[in-house]
C-alpha atoms as a PDB file:
ATOM      1  CA  MET A   1      15.693  -9.677 -18.245  1.00  0.00           C
ATOM      2  CA  ALA A   2      12.540  -7.816 -17.254  1.00  0.00           C
ATOM      3  CA  TYR A   3      11.778  -6.121 -13.963  1.00  0.00           C
ATOM      4  CA  ALA A   4       9.355  -8.030 -11.757  1.00  0.00           C
ATOM      5  CA  SER A   5       6.664  -5.347 -12.046  1.00  0.00           C
ATOM      6  CA  GLU A   6       6.684  -5.656 -15.857  1.00  0.00           C
ATOM      7  CA  VAL A   7       6.390  -9.432 -15.669  1.00  0.00           C
ATOM      8  CA  MET A   8       3.637  -9.364 -13.049  1.00  0.00           C
ATOM      9  CA  ASN A   9       1.556  -7.132 -15.303  1.00  0.00           C
ATOM     10  CA  ARG A  10       1.486 -10.080 -17.718  1.00  0.00           C
ATOM     11  CA  ALA A  11       1.005 -12.737 -15.041  1.00  0.00           C
ATOM     12  CA  THR A  12      -2.152 -14.043 -13.451  1.00  0.00           C
ATOM     13  CA  VAL A  13      -4.284 -11.535 -11.548  1.00  0.00           C
ATOM     14  CA  SER A  14      -1.937  -9.661  -9.222  1.00  0.00           C
ATOM     15  CA  VAL A  15      -1.985  -6.591  -7.005  1.00  0.00           C
ATOM     16  CA  LEU A  16       0.604  -4.921  -4.818  1.00  0.00           C
ATOM     17  CA  HIS A  17      -0.113  -6.416  -1.408  1.00  0.00           C
ATOM     18  CA  HIS A  18       2.537  -4.775   0.747  1.00  0.00           C
ATOM     19  CA  ILE A  19       5.904  -3.101   0.952  1.00  0.00           C
ATOM     20  CA  GLY A  20       8.318  -4.755   3.366  1.00  0.00           C
ATOM     21  CA  TYR A  21      10.225  -2.248   5.503  1.00  0.00           C
ATOM     22  CA  LEU A  22      13.182  -3.499   7.578  1.00  0.00           C
ATOM     23  CA  VAL A  23      13.525  -1.960  11.059  1.00  0.00           C
ATOM     24  CA  GLU A  24      15.198  -2.739  14.376  1.00  0.00           C
ATOM     25  CA  ASP A  25      11.986  -2.856  16.421  1.00  0.00           C
ATOM     26  CA  VAL A  26       8.589  -3.420  14.771  1.00  0.00           C
ATOM     27  CA  SER A  27       6.549  -2.223  17.763  1.00  0.00           C
ATOM     28  CA  ALA A  28       8.448   1.041  18.265  1.00  0.00           C
ATOM     29  CA  THR A  29       8.408   1.771  14.527  1.00  0.00           C
ATOM     30  CA  ALA A  30       4.678   0.992  14.366  1.00  0.00           C
ATOM     31  CA  ASP A  31       4.048   3.610  17.054  1.00  0.00           C
ATOM     32  CA  THR A  32       5.958   6.170  14.984  1.00  0.00           C
ATOM     33  CA  PHE A  33       4.142   5.308  11.734  1.00  0.00           C
ATOM     34  CA  CYS A  34       0.771   5.502  13.502  1.00  0.00           C
ATOM     35  CA  ASP A  35       1.551   8.845  15.157  1.00  0.00           C
ATOM     36  CA  LEU A  36       3.213  10.554  12.189  1.00  0.00           C
ATOM     37  CA  TRP A  37       1.450   9.099   9.164  1.00  0.00           C
ATOM     38  CA  GLY A  38      -1.939   7.894  10.397  1.00  0.00           C
ATOM     39  CA  TYR A  39      -1.323   4.176   9.937  1.00  0.00           C
ATOM     40  CA  GLN A  40      -3.432   1.693  11.876  1.00  0.00           C
ATOM     41  CA  LEU A  41      -2.334  -1.676  13.237  1.00  0.00           C
ATOM     42  CA  GLU A  42      -3.688  -4.522  11.105  1.00  0.00           C
ATOM     43  CA  SER A  43      -2.068  -7.474  12.904  1.00  0.00           C
ATOM     44  CA  GLU A  44      -0.358  -8.581  16.061  1.00  0.00           C
ATOM     45  CA  VAL A  45       3.417  -9.094  15.964  1.00  0.00           C
ATOM     46  CA  ILE A  46       3.992 -12.377  14.113  1.00  0.00           C
ATOM     47  CA  GLU A  47       7.125 -14.413  14.788  1.00  0.00           C
ATOM     48  CA  ASP A  48       8.233 -16.249  11.669  1.00  0.00           C
ATOM     49  CA  THR A  49      10.867 -18.849  12.535  1.00  0.00           C
ATOM     50  CA  VAL A  50      11.349 -19.890   8.889  1.00  0.00           C
ATOM     51  CA  GLN A  51      12.059 -16.348   7.678  1.00  0.00           C
ATOM     52  CA  THR A  52      13.795 -15.529  11.013  1.00  0.00           C
ATOM     53  CA  ALA A  53      11.704 -12.386  11.321  1.00  0.00           C
ATOM     54  CA  ARG A  54       9.164 -10.581  13.446  1.00  0.00           C
ATOM     55  CA  VAL A  55       6.547  -8.834  11.311  1.00  0.00           C
ATOM     56  CA  LEU A  56       3.683  -6.435  11.893  1.00  0.00           C
ATOM     57  CA  PHE A  57       1.218  -5.130   9.306  1.00  0.00           C
ATOM     58  CA  LEU A  58       0.014  -1.507   9.166  1.00  0.00           C
ATOM     59  CA  ARG A  59      -2.357   0.231   6.784  1.00  0.00           C
ATOM     60  CA  GLN A  60      -3.623   3.756   6.324  1.00  0.00           C
ATOM     61  CA  PRO A  61      -7.413   4.130   6.262  1.00  0.00           C
ATOM     62  CA  GLY A  62      -8.672   3.748   2.698  1.00  0.00           C
ATOM     63  CA  SER A  63      -5.384   2.329   1.404  1.00  0.00           C
ATOM     64  CA  SER A  64      -5.434  -0.770  -0.768  1.00  0.00           C
ATOM     65  CA  SER A  65      -2.106  -2.153   0.461  1.00  0.00           C
ATOM     66  CA  TRP A  66      -0.131  -2.607   3.657  1.00  0.00           C
ATOM     67  CA  ILE A  67       3.292  -1.832   5.030  1.00  0.00           C
ATOM     68  CA  GLU A  68       4.931  -4.854   6.611  1.00  0.00           C
ATOM     69  CA  LEU A  69       7.396  -3.847   9.303  1.00  0.00           C
ATOM     70  CA  ILE A  70      10.101  -6.510   9.606  1.00  0.00           C
ATOM     71  CA  SER A  71      12.793  -6.992  12.222  1.00  0.00           C
ATOM     72  CA  PRO A  72      15.352  -9.773  12.725  1.00  0.00           C
ATOM     73  CA  PHE A  73      14.208 -12.627  14.975  1.00  0.00           C
ATOM     74  CA  GLY A  74      16.990 -14.474  16.750  1.00  0.00           C
ATOM     75  CA  LYS A  75      20.756 -14.093  16.733  1.00  0.00           C
ATOM     76  CA  LYS A  76      21.124 -15.952  13.424  1.00  0.00           C
ATOM     77  CA  SER A  77      18.414 -14.058  11.541  1.00  0.00           C
ATOM     78  CA  LYS A  78      18.815 -13.786   7.775  1.00  0.00           C
ATOM     79  CA  LEU A  79      17.937 -10.092   8.138  1.00  0.00           C
ATOM     80  CA  THR A  80      20.620  -8.951  10.576  1.00  0.00           C
ATOM     81  CA  HIS A  81      23.265  -8.291   7.915  1.00  0.00           C
ATOM     82  CA  ALA A  82      20.892  -6.272   5.722  1.00  0.00           C
ATOM     83  CA  LEU A  83      19.803  -4.159   8.689  1.00  0.00           C
ATOM     84  CA  LYS A  84      23.441  -3.479   9.660  1.00  0.00           C
ATOM     85  CA  LYS A  85      24.115  -2.369   6.061  1.00  0.00           C
ATOM     86  CA  GLY A  86      21.313   0.184   6.376  1.00  0.00           C
ATOM     87  CA  VAL A  87      18.765  -1.541   4.145  1.00  0.00           C
ATOM     88  CA  THR A  88      15.259  -0.333   4.984  1.00  0.00           C
ATOM     89  CA  LEU A  89      13.151  -0.954   1.870  1.00  0.00           C
ATOM     90  CA  HIS A  90      13.274  -4.744   1.929  1.00  0.00           C
ATOM     91  CA  HIS A  91      10.808  -6.089  -0.644  1.00  0.00           C
ATOM     92  CA  LEU A  92       7.628  -5.702  -2.670  1.00  0.00           C
ATOM     93  CA  CYS A  93       4.915  -8.325  -2.283  1.00  0.00           C
ATOM     94  CA  TYR A  94       2.336  -9.103  -4.936  1.00  0.00           C
ATOM     95  CA  GLU A  95      -0.806 -11.055  -4.113  1.00  0.00           C
ATOM     96  CA  VAL A  96      -1.509 -13.396  -7.027  1.00  0.00           C
ATOM     97  CA  SER A  97      -4.456 -15.543  -7.992  1.00  0.00           C
ATOM     98  CA  ASP A  98      -2.224 -18.467  -9.052  1.00  0.00           C
ATOM     99  CA  VAL A  99       1.144 -18.648  -7.291  1.00  0.00           C
ATOM    100  CA  GLU A 100       2.471 -21.596  -9.347  1.00  0.00           C
ATOM    101  CA  SER A 101       1.692 -19.925 -12.685  1.00  0.00           C
ATOM    102  CA  SER A 102       3.128 -16.625 -11.466  1.00  0.00           C
ATOM    103  CA  CYS A 103       6.332 -18.373 -10.360  1.00  0.00           C
ATOM    104  CA  ARG A 104       6.670 -19.982 -13.790  1.00  0.00           C
ATOM    105  CA  ARG A 105       6.253 -16.616 -15.512  1.00  0.00           C
ATOM    106  CA  LEU A 106       8.832 -14.920 -13.306  1.00  0.00           C
ATOM    107  CA  ARG A 107      11.368 -17.735 -13.859  1.00  0.00           C
ATOM    108  CA  GLU A 108      10.735 -17.677 -17.629  1.00  0.00           C
ATOM    109  CA  SER A 109      11.364 -13.935 -17.576  1.00  0.00           C
ATOM    110  CA  GLY A 110      14.757 -14.415 -15.960  1.00  0.00           C
ATOM    111  CA  LEU A 111      14.051 -13.658 -12.312  1.00  0.00           C
ATOM    112  CA  PHE A 112      15.914 -15.860  -9.846  1.00  0.00           C
ATOM    113  CA  MET A 113      13.812 -17.942  -7.470  1.00  0.00           C
ATOM    114  CA  LEU A 114      15.174 -17.744  -3.931  1.00  0.00           C
ATOM    115  CA  GLU A 115      12.477 -19.881  -2.286  1.00  0.00           C
ATOM    116  CA  PRO A 116       9.775 -21.938  -4.021  1.00  0.00           C
ATOM    117  CA  PRO A 117       6.154 -21.718  -2.887  1.00  0.00           C
ATOM    118  CA  GLY A 118       5.738 -22.779   0.726  1.00  0.00           C
ATOM    119  CA  PRO A 119       3.740 -21.883   3.827  1.00  0.00           C
ATOM    120  CA  GLY A 120       3.801 -18.294   5.054  1.00  0.00           C
ATOM    121  CA  ALA A 121       3.623 -17.765   8.830  1.00  0.00           C
ATOM    122  CA  ALA A 122       1.670 -14.527   8.477  1.00  0.00           C
ATOM    123  CA  TYR A 123      -0.833 -16.130   6.089  1.00  0.00           C
ATOM    124  CA  PRO A 124      -2.127 -19.459   7.425  1.00  0.00           C
ATOM    125  CA  GLY A 125      -3.067 -21.841   4.612  1.00  0.00           C
ATOM    126  CA  ARG A 126      -1.491 -19.653   1.925  1.00  0.00           C
ATOM    127  CA  LYS A 127       1.789 -20.047   0.055  1.00  0.00           C
ATOM    128  CA  ILE A 128       4.549 -17.503  -0.475  1.00  0.00           C
ATOM    129  CA  ALA A 129       7.539 -17.570  -2.835  1.00  0.00           C
ATOM    130  CA  TRP A 130      10.620 -15.343  -3.058  1.00  0.00           C
ATOM    131  CA  PHE A 131      12.444 -13.989  -6.118  1.00  0.00           C
ATOM    132  CA  MET A 132      15.269 -11.589  -6.880  1.00  0.00           C
ATOM    133  CA  ASP A 133      15.241  -9.347  -9.943  1.00  0.00           C
ATOM    134  CA  GLU A 134      18.296  -8.352 -11.993  1.00  0.00           C
ATOM    135  CA  LYS A 135      18.991  -5.315  -9.800  1.00  0.00           C
ATOM    136  CA  GLY A 136      18.919  -7.359  -6.579  1.00  0.00           C
ATOM    137  CA  GLY A 137      15.392  -6.314  -5.600  1.00  0.00           C
ATOM    138  CA  LEU A 138      13.412  -8.823  -3.561  1.00  0.00           C
ATOM    139  CA  ILE A 139       9.939  -9.832  -4.698  1.00  0.00           C
ATOM    140  CA  GLU A 140       7.528 -11.896  -2.625  1.00  0.00           C
ATOM    141  CA  LEU A 141       4.566 -13.630  -4.214  1.00  0.00           C
ATOM    142  CA  LEU A 142       1.579 -14.312  -1.966  1.00  0.00           C
ATOM    143  CA  GLU A 143      -1.177 -16.725  -2.877  1.00  0.00           C
ATOM    144  CA  SER A 144      -4.594 -15.080  -2.620  1.00  0.00           C
ATOM    145  CA  GLY A 145      -6.823 -16.222   0.217  1.00  0.00           C
ATOM    146  CA  GLY A 146      -9.805 -15.361   2.351  1.00  0.00           C
ATOM    147  CA  ASP A 147      -8.250 -13.982   5.521  1.00  0.00           C
ATOM    148  CA  SER A 148      -8.095 -10.401   6.808  1.00  0.00           C
ATOM    149  CA  LEU A 149      -4.811  -9.741   4.967  1.00  0.00           C
ATOM    150  CA  THR A 150      -6.126 -10.377   1.470  1.00  0.00           C
ATOM    151  CA  LEU A 151      -6.909  -8.116  -1.470  1.00  0.00           C
ATOM    152  CA  LEU A 152      -8.074 -10.558  -4.150  1.00  0.00           C
END
């Protein structure tokens, strides 16, 4: 089985879109990242009821990708257990020109699909899909689009 980054290099056009970072409080952590590392807010806090998460995007001036701060949303959030275990680096997200083709390539390469392409709350009109690689790493695929959080 290949790592997701190796497979994506052979997939449709793709770029690293963001790194998902799991935290207790997205707003407080955003303040710290802005003060210490020069990040700038790139979105409002987005409440995603499907992913049971609150998210907030930050980017350093001149950077080509974002950091997505993620915190559990609701008492039954899928993220609560991971946060209690001390997980902070949550996932890598690749923006792809063709999400269906990219999903096929990842499945053919042995990655496990956790969620097929579906709507993403942070990206209106765009699809996201979730995979896990052989080491348990989470990979999000994001369909390219024309909003402010796009690279392709």
